[in-house]
Amino acid sequence: MRKADGLRSRPVPQAECLMVFSPQSGRIHWLGLESWLLFELCDGRSVEAIARGYAELAGDKLGGGDAQARALRGLDSLLGSRLVEAAPA
């Protein structure tokens, strides 16, 4: 997985979120801490490696049960928003 091309992002520490602008869609996305972490882990790693990294870094600190399942749901959401895409093989 990797970040989609052309995105612009800026942390908003006061709100504990990352603002991501997609020129392709013209939309601004506000990523909470969980999504922000997953977004940053999308640097060409496999889905499995991202889920492992997420579990190691966040574990149960962010709440909501199984870290691996949360990671997969979060990646699905990022894919649906077209903020990340499958990395070329």
N, C-alpha and C. Protein backbone atom coordinates (compact mmCIF):
# COMPACT_ATOMS: atom_id res chain seq x y z
N MET A 1 0.85 -1.17 0.00
CA MET A 1 0.00 0.00 0.00
C MET A 1 0.89 1.24 0.00
N ARG A 2 0.41 2.27 -0.68
CA ARG A 2 1.13 3.53 -0.68
C ARG A 2 0.12 4.68 -0.73
N LYS A 3 0.60 5.85 -0.37
CA LYS A 3 -0.25 7.04 -0.44
C LYS A 3 -0.52 7.36 -1.91
N ALA A 4 -1.70 7.85 -2.21
CA ALA A 4 -2.04 8.23 -3.57
C ALA A 4 -1.18 9.43 -3.97
N ASP A 5 -0.91 9.55 -5.25
CA ASP A 5 -0.10 10.65 -5.76
C ASP A 5 -0.81 11.99 -5.61
N GLY A 6 -0.03 13.03 -5.37
CA GLY A 6 -0.54 14.39 -5.38
C GLY A 6 -1.20 14.88 -4.11
N LEU A 7 -1.28 14.04 -3.09
CA LEU A 7 -1.93 14.47 -1.85
C LEU A 7 -1.07 15.50 -1.12
N ARG A 8 -1.73 16.40 -0.44
CA ARG A 8 -1.04 17.36 0.42
C ARG A 8 -1.59 17.18 1.83
N SER A 9 -0.69 17.10 2.80
CA SER A 9 -1.15 16.88 4.17
C SER A 9 -0.49 17.85 5.13
N ARG A 10 -1.21 18.09 6.21
CA ARG A 10 -0.71 18.98 7.25
C ARG A 10 -1.26 18.52 8.60
N PRO A 11 -0.37 18.29 9.57
CA PRO A 11 -0.84 17.94 10.91
C PRO A 11 -1.57 19.12 11.55
N VAL A 12 -2.60 18.81 12.32
CA VAL A 12 -3.32 19.82 13.11
C VAL A 12 -3.25 19.34 14.56
N PRO A 13 -2.13 19.67 15.23
CA PRO A 13 -1.90 19.14 16.58
C PRO A 13 -3.00 19.49 17.58
N GLN A 14 -3.57 20.68 17.47
CA GLN A 14 -4.60 21.09 18.42
C GLN A 14 -5.82 20.17 18.36
N ALA A 15 -6.10 19.63 17.19
CA ALA A 15 -7.25 18.74 17.01
C ALA A 15 -6.84 17.27 16.98
N GLU A 16 -5.55 16.99 17.16
CA GLU A 16 -5.02 15.62 17.09
C GLU A 16 -5.47 14.92 15.82
N CYS A 17 -5.26 15.59 14.68
CA CYS A 17 -5.64 14.98 13.41
C CYS A 17 -4.70 15.44 12.30
N LEU A 18 -4.82 14.79 11.18
CA LEU A 18 -4.06 15.14 9.98
C LEU A 18 -5.06 15.57 8.92
N MET A 19 -4.83 16.74 8.34
CA MET A 19 -5.67 17.24 7.26
C MET A 19 -5.00 16.82 5.95
N VAL A 20 -5.75 16.15 5.08
CA VAL A 20 -5.22 15.70 3.80
C VAL A 20 -6.09 16.25 2.69
N PHE A 21 -5.45 16.97 1.75
CA PHE A 21 -6.16 17.51 0.60
C PHE A 21 -5.86 16.65 -0.61
N SER A 22 -6.91 16.25 -1.31
CA SER A 22 -6.78 15.48 -2.54
C SER A 22 -7.13 16.38 -3.73
N PRO A 23 -6.14 16.83 -4.50
CA PRO A 23 -6.43 17.66 -5.67
C PRO A 23 -7.31 16.93 -6.69
N GLN A 24 -7.16 15.61 -6.75
CA GLN A 24 -7.94 14.82 -7.70
C GLN A 24 -9.44 14.95 -7.45
N SER A 25 -9.84 14.87 -6.18
CA SER A 25 -11.27 14.95 -5.84
C SER A 25 -11.68 16.35 -5.39
N GLY A 26 -10.69 17.17 -5.02
CA GLY A 26 -11.00 18.49 -4.49
C GLY A 26 -11.50 18.46 -3.06
N ARG A 27 -11.33 17.33 -2.39
CA ARG A 27 -11.85 17.16 -1.02
C ARG A 27 -10.73 17.28 0.01
N ILE A 28 -11.11 17.73 1.19
CA ILE A 28 -10.23 17.73 2.35
C ILE A 28 -10.72 16.62 3.28
N HIS A 29 -9.79 15.78 3.70
CA HIS A 29 -10.09 14.67 4.61
C HIS A 29 -9.42 14.97 5.94
N TRP A 30 -10.14 14.70 7.02
CA TRP A 30 -9.60 14.87 8.36
C TRP A 30 -9.39 13.48 8.95
N LEU A 31 -8.13 13.11 9.17
CA LEU A 31 -7.82 11.78 9.69
C LEU A 31 -7.55 11.86 11.19
N GLY A 32 -8.29 11.05 11.95
CA GLY A 32 -8.05 10.93 13.38
C GLY A 32 -6.75 10.17 13.62
N LEU A 33 -6.41 9.97 14.87
CA LEU A 33 -5.13 9.35 15.21
C LEU A 33 -4.94 7.97 14.59
N GLU A 34 -5.97 7.13 14.64
CA GLU A 34 -5.83 5.78 14.07
C GLU A 34 -5.58 5.83 12.57
N SER A 35 -6.41 6.60 11.87
CA SER A 35 -6.27 6.69 10.41
C SER A 35 -4.96 7.37 10.03
N TRP A 36 -4.56 8.34 10.82
CA TRP A 36 -3.30 9.05 10.57
C TRP A 36 -2.14 8.07 10.64
N LEU A 37 -2.11 7.25 11.68
CA LEU A 37 -1.05 6.26 11.82
C LEU A 37 -1.04 5.30 10.64
N LEU A 38 -2.20 4.79 10.27
CA LEU A 38 -2.27 3.87 9.13
C LEU A 38 -1.80 4.56 7.85
N PHE A 39 -2.22 5.80 7.64
CA PHE A 39 -1.82 6.57 6.47
C PHE A 39 -0.29 6.67 6.39
N GLU A 40 0.34 6.97 7.52
CA GLU A 40 1.80 7.09 7.55
C GLU A 40 2.49 5.76 7.29
N LEU A 41 1.86 4.66 7.68
CA LEU A 41 2.45 3.34 7.46
C LEU A 41 2.33 2.88 6.00
N CYS A 42 1.54 3.57 5.22
CA CYS A 42 1.36 3.22 3.80
C CYS A 42 2.51 3.80 2.98
N ASP A 43 3.65 3.13 3.08
CA ASP A 43 4.87 3.60 2.41
C ASP A 43 5.44 2.52 1.50
N GLY A 44 4.56 1.69 0.96
CA GLY A 44 4.99 0.60 0.09
C GLY A 44 4.94 -0.76 0.77
N ARG A 45 4.60 -0.79 2.05
CA ARG A 45 4.50 -2.05 2.78
C ARG A 45 3.28 -2.85 2.33
N SER A 46 3.32 -4.13 2.63
CA SER A 46 2.15 -4.98 2.38
C SER A 46 1.09 -4.68 3.43
N VAL A 47 -0.14 -5.10 3.15
CA VAL A 47 -1.23 -4.93 4.11
C VAL A 47 -0.87 -5.61 5.42
N GLU A 48 -0.28 -6.79 5.34
CA GLU A 48 0.09 -7.53 6.55
C GLU A 48 1.13 -6.77 7.36
N ALA A 49 2.12 -6.19 6.68
CA ALA A 49 3.16 -5.43 7.38
C ALA A 49 2.59 -4.16 8.01
N ILE A 50 1.65 -3.53 7.34
CA ILE A 50 1.00 -2.34 7.90
C ILE A 50 0.23 -2.72 9.16
N ALA A 51 -0.54 -3.81 9.09
CA ALA A 51 -1.32 -4.26 10.24
C ALA A 51 -0.40 -4.61 11.41
N ARG A 52 0.73 -5.25 11.12
CA ARG A 52 1.70 -5.58 12.19
C ARG A 52 2.28 -4.31 12.80
N GLY A 53 2.67 -3.37 11.95
CA GLY A 53 3.23 -2.12 12.44
C GLY A 53 2.24 -1.35 13.28
N TYR A 54 1.00 -1.34 12.82
CA TYR A 54 -0.06 -0.66 13.56
C TYR A 54 -0.23 -1.30 14.94
N ALA A 55 -0.28 -2.64 14.98
CA ALA A 55 -0.45 -3.35 16.24
C ALA A 55 0.72 -3.08 17.19
N GLU A 56 1.94 -3.02 16.64
CA GLU A 56 3.11 -2.75 17.48
C GLU A 56 3.08 -1.34 18.05
N LEU A 57 2.70 -0.38 17.22
CA LEU A 57 2.73 1.02 17.66
C LEU A 57 1.52 1.42 18.49
N ALA A 58 0.35 0.95 18.10
CA ALA A 58 -0.88 1.38 18.76
C ALA A 58 -1.40 0.35 19.75
N GLY A 59 -1.28 -0.93 19.37
CA GLY A 59 -1.80 -1.98 20.23
C GLY A 59 -3.22 -1.66 20.66
N ASP A 60 -3.46 -1.72 21.95
CA ASP A 60 -4.79 -1.40 22.47
C ASP A 60 -4.86 0.02 23.04
N LYS A 61 -3.83 0.83 22.76
CA LYS A 61 -3.81 2.20 23.30
C LYS A 61 -4.94 3.05 22.76
N LEU A 62 -5.38 2.78 21.53
CA LEU A 62 -6.43 3.59 20.92
C LEU A 62 -7.82 3.03 21.16
N GLY A 63 -7.92 1.90 21.83
CA GLY A 63 -9.23 1.32 22.15
C GLY A 63 -9.89 0.69 20.94
N GLY A 64 -10.99 0.00 21.18
CA GLY A 64 -11.76 -0.56 20.08
C GLY A 64 -11.48 -2.01 19.76
N GLY A 65 -10.76 -2.73 20.63
CA GLY A 65 -10.60 -4.16 20.42
C GLY A 65 -9.36 -4.53 19.63
N ASP A 66 -9.49 -5.59 18.83
CA ASP A 66 -8.39 -6.19 18.10
C ASP A 66 -7.70 -5.20 17.16
N ALA A 67 -6.41 -4.98 17.38
CA ALA A 67 -5.65 -4.01 16.59
C ALA A 67 -5.59 -4.41 15.12
N GLN A 68 -5.43 -5.69 14.83
CA GLN A 68 -5.34 -6.14 13.44
C GLN A 68 -6.64 -5.86 12.69
N ALA A 69 -7.77 -6.16 13.32
CA ALA A 69 -9.07 -5.91 12.68
C ALA A 69 -9.30 -4.42 12.49
N ARG A 70 -8.89 -3.61 13.48
CA ARG A 70 -9.02 -2.15 13.34
C ARG A 70 -8.17 -1.64 12.20
N ALA A 71 -6.97 -2.19 12.06
CA ALA A 71 -6.07 -1.77 10.98
C ALA A 71 -6.70 -2.08 9.62
N LEU A 72 -7.27 -3.26 9.48
CA LEU A 72 -7.88 -3.64 8.19
C LEU A 72 -9.08 -2.77 7.87
N ARG A 73 -9.90 -2.47 8.88
CA ARG A 73 -11.05 -1.56 8.66
C ARG A 73 -10.57 -0.17 8.27
N GLY A 74 -9.54 0.30 8.94
CA GLY A 74 -9.00 1.62 8.64
C GLY A 74 -8.41 1.70 7.25
N LEU A 75 -7.69 0.66 6.84
CA LEU A 75 -7.13 0.63 5.48
C LEU A 75 -8.24 0.61 4.44
N ASP A 76 -9.29 -0.13 4.73
CA ASP A 76 -10.43 -0.17 3.82
C ASP A 76 -11.04 1.22 3.65
N SER A 77 -11.13 1.96 4.74
CA SER A 77 -11.67 3.32 4.69
C SER A 77 -10.74 4.24 3.89
N LEU A 78 -9.44 4.13 4.11
CA LEU A 78 -8.48 4.95 3.36
C LEU A 78 -8.53 4.62 1.87
N LEU A 79 -8.68 3.34 1.55
CA LEU A 79 -8.81 2.94 0.14
C LEU A 79 -10.08 3.51 -0.47
N GLY A 80 -11.18 3.43 0.27
CA GLY A 80 -12.45 3.95 -0.20
C GLY A 80 -12.42 5.44 -0.45
N SER A 81 -11.61 6.15 0.33
CA SER A 81 -11.47 7.60 0.16
C SER A 81 -10.42 7.94 -0.90
N ARG A 82 -9.78 6.93 -1.42
CA ARG A 82 -8.73 7.07 -2.45
C ARG A 82 -7.52 7.87 -1.95
N LEU A 83 -7.26 7.73 -0.66
CA LEU A 83 -6.07 8.36 -0.10
C LEU A 83 -4.87 7.45 -0.19
N VAL A 84 -5.12 6.14 -0.28
CA VAL A 84 -4.06 5.16 -0.47
C VAL A 84 -4.47 4.23 -1.61
N GLU A 85 -3.47 3.54 -2.13
CA GLU A 85 -3.72 2.61 -3.23
C GLU A 85 -2.75 1.45 -3.11
N ALA A 86 -3.04 0.40 -3.83
CA ALA A 86 -2.15 -0.76 -3.84
C ALA A 86 -0.84 -0.35 -4.49
N ALA A 87 0.27 -0.72 -3.86
CA ALA A 87 1.58 -0.42 -4.43
C ALA A 87 1.82 -1.34 -5.62
N PRO A 88 2.48 -0.83 -6.66
CA PRO A 88 2.76 -1.69 -7.81
C PRO A 88 3.66 -2.86 -7.40
N ALA A 89 3.41 -4.00 -8.00
CA ALA A 89 4.18 -5.21 -7.67
C ALA A 89 5.55 -5.17 -8.29
